[in-house]
């Protein structure tokens, strides 16, 4: 892809509540993607086209939620 990449972030059951709380402050693109991505195979598999700095920051924050020790 010229000028962007796609990041895969899987939000599982353990992270779902925290991710849902974060999504409220995320970019409109991430909010829309999260809303339309069904929960399947143990999580929400978000294929995120990283096309701006704002979306990149959202991806970093979602990854941080995912890797926090529970």
PDB file of N, CA and C in Angstrom:
ATOM      1  N   UNK A   1       0.835  -1.162   0.000  1.00  0.00           N
ATOM      2  CA  UNK A   1       0.000   0.000   0.000  1.00  0.00           C
ATOM      3  C   UNK A   1       0.891   1.239   0.000  1.00  0.00           C
ATOM      4  N   UNK A   2       0.570   2.128  -0.833  1.00  0.00           N
ATOM      5  CA  UNK A   2       1.386   3.317  -0.967  1.00  0.00           C
ATOM      6  C   UNK A   2       0.957   4.373   0.047  1.00  0.00           C
ATOM      7  N   UNK A   3       1.840   4.663   0.993  1.00  0.00           N
ATOM      8  CA  UNK A   3       1.585   5.737   1.939  1.00  0.00           C
ATOM      9  C   UNK A   3       0.859   5.343   3.213  1.00  0.00           C
ATOM     10  N   UNK A   4       0.493   4.079   3.376  1.00  0.00           N
ATOM     11  CA  UNK A   4      -0.146   3.644   4.620  1.00  0.00           C
ATOM     12  C   UNK A   4       0.050   2.147   4.795  1.00  0.00           C
ATOM     13  N   UNK A   5      -0.309   1.642   5.965  1.00  0.00           N
ATOM     14  CA  UNK A   5      -0.259   0.204   6.231  1.00  0.00           C
ATOM     15  C   UNK A   5      -1.495  -0.175   7.020  1.00  0.00           C
ATOM     16  N   UNK A   6      -1.728  -1.471   7.134  1.00  0.00           N
ATOM     17  CA  UNK A   6      -2.867  -1.971   7.901  1.00  0.00           C
ATOM     18  C   UNK A   6      -2.345  -2.680   9.141  1.00  0.00           C
ATOM     19  N   UNK A   7      -2.856  -2.277  10.288  1.00  0.00           N
ATOM     20  CA  UNK A   7      -2.495  -2.898  11.566  1.00  0.00           C
ATOM     21  C   UNK A   7      -3.642  -3.800  12.007  1.00  0.00           C
ATOM     22  N   UNK A   8      -3.309  -4.974  12.473  1.00  0.00           N
ATOM     23  CA  UNK A   8      -4.300  -5.891  13.033  1.00  0.00           C
ATOM     24  C   UNK A   8      -4.185  -5.838  14.547  1.00  0.00           C
ATOM     25  N   UNK A   9      -5.275  -5.460  15.204  1.00  0.00           N
ATOM     26  CA  UNK A   9      -5.327  -5.460  16.666  1.00  0.00           C
ATOM     27  C   UNK A   9      -6.541  -6.294  17.056  1.00  0.00           C
ATOM     28  N   UNK A  10      -6.298  -7.333  17.854  1.00  0.00           N
ATOM     29  CA  UNK A  10      -7.377  -8.201  18.315  1.00  0.00           C
ATOM     30  C   UNK A  10      -7.705  -7.825  19.749  1.00  0.00           C
ATOM     31  N   UNK A  11      -8.953  -7.457  19.977  1.00  0.00           N
ATOM     32  CA  UNK A  11      -9.423  -7.119  21.312  1.00  0.00           C
ATOM     33  C   UNK A  11     -10.220  -8.310  21.828  1.00  0.00           C
ATOM     34  N   UNK A  12      -9.688  -8.970  22.840  1.00  0.00           N
ATOM     35  CA  UNK A  12     -10.332 -10.152  23.404  1.00  0.00           C
ATOM     36  C   UNK A  12     -11.282  -9.800  24.537  1.00  0.00           C
ATOM     37  N   UNK A  13     -11.873 -10.830  25.114  1.00  0.00           N
ATOM     38  CA  UNK A  13     -12.819 -10.647  26.227  1.00  0.00           C
ATOM     39  C   UNK A  13     -12.208  -9.870  27.383  1.00  0.00           C
ATOM     40  N   UNK A  14     -10.951 -10.159  27.709  1.00  0.00           N
ATOM     41  CA  UNK A  14     -10.305  -9.525  28.860  1.00  0.00           C
ATOM     42  C   UNK A  14     -10.133  -8.017  28.666  1.00  0.00           C
ATOM     43  N   UNK A  15      -9.951  -7.596  27.419  1.00  0.00           N
ATOM     44  CA  UNK A  15      -9.694  -6.183  27.148  1.00  0.00           C
ATOM     45  C   UNK A  15     -10.934  -5.424  26.682  1.00  0.00           C
ATOM     46  N   UNK A  16     -12.037  -6.120  26.472  1.00  0.00           N
ATOM     47  CA  UNK A  16     -13.195  -5.521  25.820  1.00  0.00           C
ATOM     48  C   UNK A  16     -13.733  -4.297  26.554  1.00  0.00           C
ATOM     49  N   UNK A  17     -13.911  -4.369  27.859  1.00  0.00           N
ATOM     50  CA  UNK A  17     -14.461  -3.227  28.604  1.00  0.00           C
ATOM     51  C   UNK A  17     -13.554  -2.001  28.510  1.00  0.00           C
ATOM     52  N   UNK A  18     -12.261  -2.205  28.670  1.00  0.00           N
ATOM     53  CA  UNK A  18     -11.325  -1.082  28.606  1.00  0.00           C
ATOM     54  C   UNK A  18     -11.263  -0.512  27.182  1.00  0.00           C
ATOM     55  N   UNK A  19     -11.297  -1.382  26.192  1.00  0.00           N
ATOM     56  CA  UNK A  19     -11.267  -0.916  24.803  1.00  0.00           C
ATOM     57  C   UNK A  19     -12.536  -0.141  24.469  1.00  0.00           C
ATOM     58  N   UNK A  20     -13.678  -0.618  24.926  1.00  0.00           N
ATOM     59  CA  UNK A  20     -14.935   0.095  24.672  1.00  0.00           C
ATOM     60  C   UNK A  20     -14.912   1.480  25.299  1.00  0.00           C
ATOM     61  N   UNK A  21     -14.327   1.613  26.477  1.00  0.00           N
ATOM     62  CA  UNK A  21     -14.211   2.922  27.123  1.00  0.00           C
ATOM     63  C   UNK A  21     -13.279   3.831  26.324  1.00  0.00           C
ATOM     64  N   UNK A  22     -12.178   3.282  25.814  1.00  0.00           N
ATOM     65  CA  UNK A  22     -11.241   4.081  25.021  1.00  0.00           C
ATOM     66  C   UNK A  22     -11.856   4.529  23.696  1.00  0.00           C
ATOM     67  N   UNK A  23     -12.609   3.663  23.060  1.00  0.00           N
ATOM     68  CA  UNK A  23     -13.172   3.952  21.738  1.00  0.00           C
ATOM     69  C   UNK A  23     -13.968   5.254  21.740  1.00  0.00           C
ATOM     70  N   UNK A  24     -14.571   5.594  22.848  1.00  0.00           N
ATOM     71  CA  UNK A  24     -15.361   6.826  22.924  1.00  0.00           C
ATOM     72  C   UNK A  24     -14.530   8.078  22.646  1.00  0.00           C
ATOM     73  N   UNK A  25     -13.223   8.019  22.868  1.00  0.00           N
ATOM     74  CA  UNK A  25     -12.356   9.165  22.613  1.00  0.00           C
ATOM     75  C   UNK A  25     -11.470   8.974  21.389  1.00  0.00           C
ATOM     76  N   UNK A  26     -11.611   7.850  20.709  1.00  0.00           N
ATOM     77  CA  UNK A  26     -10.797   7.559  19.520  1.00  0.00           C
ATOM     78  C   UNK A  26     -11.293   8.356  18.315  1.00  0.00           C
ATOM     79  N   UNK A  27     -10.524   8.306  17.253  1.00  0.00           N
ATOM     80  CA  UNK A  27     -10.892   9.004  16.023  1.00  0.00           C
ATOM     81  C   UNK A  27     -12.192   8.423  15.458  1.00  0.00           C
ATOM     82  N   UNK A  28     -12.918   9.212  14.685  1.00  0.00           N
ATOM     83  CA  UNK A  28     -14.173   8.718  14.104  1.00  0.00           C
ATOM     84  C   UNK A  28     -13.993   7.454  13.260  1.00  0.00           C
ATOM     85  N   UNK A  29     -12.864   7.341  12.590  1.00  0.00           N
ATOM     86  CA  UNK A  29     -12.605   6.148  11.770  1.00  0.00           C
ATOM     87  C   UNK A  29     -12.517   4.893  12.634  1.00  0.00           C
ATOM     88  N   UNK A  30     -11.836   5.012  13.760  1.00  0.00           N
ATOM     89  CA  UNK A  30     -11.689   3.864  14.668  1.00  0.00           C
ATOM     90  C   UNK A  30     -13.026   3.547  15.327  1.00  0.00           C
ATOM     91  N   UNK A  31     -13.777   4.555  15.709  1.00  0.00           N
ATOM     92  CA  UNK A  31     -15.103   4.332  16.299  1.00  0.00           C
ATOM     93  C   UNK A  31     -16.000   3.578  15.330  1.00  0.00           C
ATOM     94  N   UNK A  32     -16.008   3.992  14.067  1.00  0.00           N
ATOM     95  CA  UNK A  32     -16.849   3.338  13.060  1.00  0.00           C
ATOM     96  C   UNK A  32     -16.397   1.900  12.820  1.00  0.00           C
ATOM     97  N   UNK A  33     -15.094   1.695  12.731  1.00  0.00           N
ATOM     98  CA  UNK A  33     -14.570   0.348  12.515  1.00  0.00           C
ATOM     99  C   UNK A  33     -14.919  -0.566  13.682  1.00  0.00           C
ATOM    100  N   UNK A  34     -14.749  -0.076  14.892  1.00  0.00           N
ATOM    101  CA  UNK A  34     -15.060  -0.870  16.086  1.00  0.00           C
ATOM    102  C   UNK A  34     -16.544  -1.233  16.110  1.00  0.00           C
ATOM    103  N   UNK A  35     -17.397  -0.282  15.762  1.00  0.00           N
ATOM    104  CA  UNK A  35     -18.843  -0.508  15.781  1.00  0.00           C
ATOM    105  C   UNK A  35     -19.273  -1.561  14.762  1.00  0.00           C
ATOM    106  N   UNK A  36     -18.618  -1.603  13.616  1.00  0.00           N
ATOM    107  CA  UNK A  36     -19.050  -2.542  12.576  1.00  0.00           C
ATOM    108  C   UNK A  36     -18.323  -3.889  12.617  1.00  0.00           C
ATOM    109  N   UNK A  37     -17.313  -4.024  13.480  1.00  0.00           N
ATOM    110  CA  UNK A  37     -16.568  -5.280  13.570  1.00  0.00           C
ATOM    111  C   UNK A  37     -17.212  -6.188  14.604  1.00  0.00           C
ATOM    112  N   UNK A  38     -17.728  -7.345  14.173  1.00  0.00           N
ATOM    113  CA  UNK A  38     -18.388  -8.245  15.128  1.00  0.00           C
ATOM    114  C   UNK A  38     -17.373  -8.974  16.013  1.00  0.00           C
ATOM    115  N   UNK A  39     -17.848  -9.423  17.149  1.00  0.00           N
ATOM    116  CA  UNK A  39     -17.038 -10.245  18.041  1.00  0.00           C
ATOM    117  C   UNK A  39     -17.073 -11.666  17.486  1.00  0.00           C
ATOM    118  N   UNK A  40     -15.920 -12.196  17.109  1.00  0.00           N
ATOM    119  CA  UNK A  40     -15.845 -13.541  16.530  1.00  0.00           C
ATOM    120  C   UNK A  40     -14.488 -14.158  16.851  1.00  0.00           C
ATOM    121  N   UNK A  41     -14.454 -15.461  16.958  1.00  0.00           N
ATOM    122  CA  UNK A  41     -13.211 -16.204  17.196  1.00  0.00           C
ATOM    123  C   UNK A  41     -12.447 -15.655  18.409  1.00  0.00           C
ATOM    124  N   UNK A  42     -13.166 -15.329  19.467  1.00  0.00           N
ATOM    125  CA  UNK A  42     -12.540 -14.913  20.707  1.00  0.00           C
ATOM    126  C   UNK A  42     -12.191 -13.442  20.822  1.00  0.00           C
ATOM    127  N   UNK A  43     -12.630 -12.627  19.874  1.00  0.00           N
ATOM    128  CA  UNK A  43     -12.323 -11.207  19.975  1.00  0.00           C
ATOM    129  C   UNK A  43     -12.855 -10.409  18.802  1.00  0.00           C
ATOM    130  N   UNK A  44     -12.565  -9.123  18.856  1.00  0.00           N
ATOM    131  CA  UNK A  44     -12.851  -8.224  17.729  1.00  0.00           C
ATOM    132  C   UNK A  44     -11.537  -8.055  16.975  1.00  0.00           C
ATOM    133  N   UNK A  45     -11.512  -8.514  15.742  1.00  0.00           N
ATOM    134  CA  UNK A  45     -10.316  -8.463  14.915  1.00  0.00           C
ATOM    135  C   UNK A  45     -10.367  -7.181  14.092  1.00  0.00           C
ATOM    136  N   UNK A  46      -9.672  -6.159  14.563  1.00  0.00           N
ATOM    137  CA  UNK A  46      -9.700  -4.856  13.921  1.00  0.00           C
ATOM    138  C   UNK A  46      -8.568  -4.741  12.902  1.00  0.00           C
ATOM    139  N   UNK A  47      -8.925  -4.665  11.632  1.00  0.00           N
ATOM    140  CA  UNK A  47      -7.966  -4.428  10.551  1.00  0.00           C
ATOM    141  C   UNK A  47      -8.004  -2.922  10.300  1.00  0.00           C
ATOM    142  N   UNK A  48      -7.008  -2.215  10.816  1.00  0.00           N
ATOM    143  CA  UNK A  48      -7.034  -0.760  10.851  1.00  0.00           C
ATOM    144  C   UNK A  48      -6.084  -0.171   9.804  1.00  0.00           C
ATOM    145  N   UNK A  49      -6.634   0.500   8.780  1.00  0.00           N
ATOM    146  CA  UNK A  49      -5.765   1.205   7.837  1.00  0.00           C
ATOM    147  C   UNK A  49      -5.174   2.437   8.530  1.00  0.00           C
ATOM    148  N   UNK A  50      -3.867   2.451   8.698  1.00  0.00           N
ATOM    149  CA  UNK A  50      -3.197   3.551   9.385  1.00  0.00           C
ATOM    150  C   UNK A  50      -2.833   4.596   8.329  1.00  0.00           C
ATOM    151  N   UNK A  51      -3.690   5.602   8.228  1.00  0.00           N
ATOM    152  CA  UNK A  51      -3.557   6.617   7.184  1.00  0.00           C
ATOM    153  C   UNK A  51      -3.255   8.006   7.742  1.00  0.00           C
ATOM    154  N   UNK A  52      -3.175   8.116   9.083  1.00  0.00           N
ATOM    155  CA  UNK A  52      -2.884   9.415   9.690  1.00  0.00           C
ATOM    156  C   UNK A  52      -2.206   9.207  11.034  1.00  0.00           C
ATOM    157  N   UNK A  53      -1.626  10.273  11.535  1.00  0.00           N
ATOM    158  CA  UNK A  53      -0.984  10.233  12.857  1.00  0.00           C
ATOM    159  C   UNK A  53      -2.009   9.926  13.947  1.00  0.00           C
ATOM    160  N   UNK A  54      -3.192  10.484  13.829  1.00  0.00           N
ATOM    161  CA  UNK A  54      -4.252  10.260  14.834  1.00  0.00           C
ATOM    162  C   UNK A  54      -4.618   8.782  14.904  1.00  0.00           C
ATOM    163  N   UNK A  55      -4.783   8.159  13.751  1.00  0.00           N
ATOM    164  CA  UNK A  55      -5.112   6.732  13.737  1.00  0.00           C
ATOM    165  C   UNK A  55      -3.947   5.916  14.279  1.00  0.00           C
ATOM    166  N   UNK A  56      -2.726   6.302  13.966  1.00  0.00           N
ATOM    167  CA  UNK A  56      -1.561   5.608  14.511  1.00  0.00           C
ATOM    168  C   UNK A  56      -1.561   5.676  16.031  1.00  0.00           C
ATOM    169  N   UNK A  57      -1.886   6.830  16.598  1.00  0.00           N
ATOM    170  CA  UNK A  57      -1.957   6.951  18.058  1.00  0.00           C
ATOM    171  C   UNK A  57      -3.060   6.055  18.631  1.00  0.00           C
ATOM    172  N   UNK A  58      -4.193   5.972  17.935  1.00  0.00           N
ATOM    173  CA  UNK A  58      -5.258   5.069  18.372  1.00  0.00           C
ATOM    174  C   UNK A  58      -4.782   3.622  18.373  1.00  0.00           C
ATOM    175  N   UNK A  59      -4.071   3.234  17.324  1.00  0.00           N
ATOM    176  CA  UNK A  59      -3.542   1.866  17.244  1.00  0.00           C
ATOM    177  C   UNK A  59      -2.590   1.609  18.412  1.00  0.00           C
ATOM    178  N   UNK A  60      -1.706   2.539  18.680  1.00  0.00           N
ATOM    179  CA  UNK A  60      -0.768   2.382  19.801  1.00  0.00           C
ATOM    180  C   UNK A  60      -1.521   2.226  21.123  1.00  0.00           C
ATOM    181  N   UNK A  61      -2.555   3.023  21.319  1.00  0.00           N
ATOM    182  CA  UNK A  61      -3.333   2.936  22.556  1.00  0.00           C
ATOM    183  C   UNK A  61      -4.075   1.608  22.666  1.00  0.00           C
ATOM    184  N   UNK A  62      -4.631   1.128  21.567  1.00  0.00           N
ATOM    185  CA  UNK A  62      -5.314  -0.164  21.591  1.00  0.00           C
ATOM    186  C   UNK A  62      -4.331  -1.300  21.862  1.00  0.00           C
ATOM    187  N   UNK A  63      -3.146  -1.213  21.290  1.00  0.00           N
ATOM    188  CA  UNK A  63      -2.124  -2.226  21.562  1.00  0.00           C
ATOM    189  C   UNK A  63      -1.726  -2.180  23.029  1.00  0.00           C
ATOM    190  N   UNK A  64      -1.601  -0.989  23.578  1.00  0.00           N
ATOM    191  CA  UNK A  64      -1.252  -0.847  25.001  1.00  0.00           C
ATOM    192  C   UNK A  64      -2.312  -1.500  25.892  1.00  0.00           C
ATOM    193  N   UNK A  65      -3.567  -1.318  25.550  1.00  0.00           N
ATOM    194  CA  UNK A  65      -4.646  -1.975  26.295  1.00  0.00           C
ATOM    195  C   UNK A  65      -4.485  -3.481  26.197  1.00  0.00           C
ATOM    196  N   UNK A  66      -4.135  -3.948  25.028  1.00  0.00           N
ATOM    197  CA  UNK A  66      -4.021  -5.388  24.788  1.00  0.00           C
ATOM    198  C   UNK A  66      -2.873  -6.015  25.574  1.00  0.00           C
ATOM    199  N   UNK A  67      -1.773  -5.314  25.729  1.00  0.00           N
ATOM    200  CA  UNK A  67      -0.585  -5.929  26.337  1.00  0.00           C
ATOM    201  C   UNK A  67      -0.444  -5.678  27.833  1.00  0.00           C
ATOM    202  N   UNK A  68      -1.339  -4.885  28.422  1.00  0.00           N
ATOM    203  CA  UNK A  68      -1.251  -4.643  29.865  1.00  0.00           C
ATOM    204  C   UNK A  68      -1.433  -5.943  30.629  1.00  0.00           C
ATOM    205  N   UNK A  69      -0.605  -6.157  31.660  1.00  0.00           N
ATOM    206  CA  UNK A  69      -0.818  -7.342  32.501  1.00  0.00           C
ATOM    207  C   UNK A  69      -2.156  -7.241  33.221  1.00  0.00           C
ATOM    208  N   UNK A  70      -2.880  -8.328  33.264  1.00  0.00           N
ATOM    209  CA  UNK A  70      -4.197  -8.345  33.900  1.00  0.00           C
ATOM    210  C   UNK A  70      -4.119  -8.878  35.304  1.00  0.00           C
TER     211      UNK A  70
END
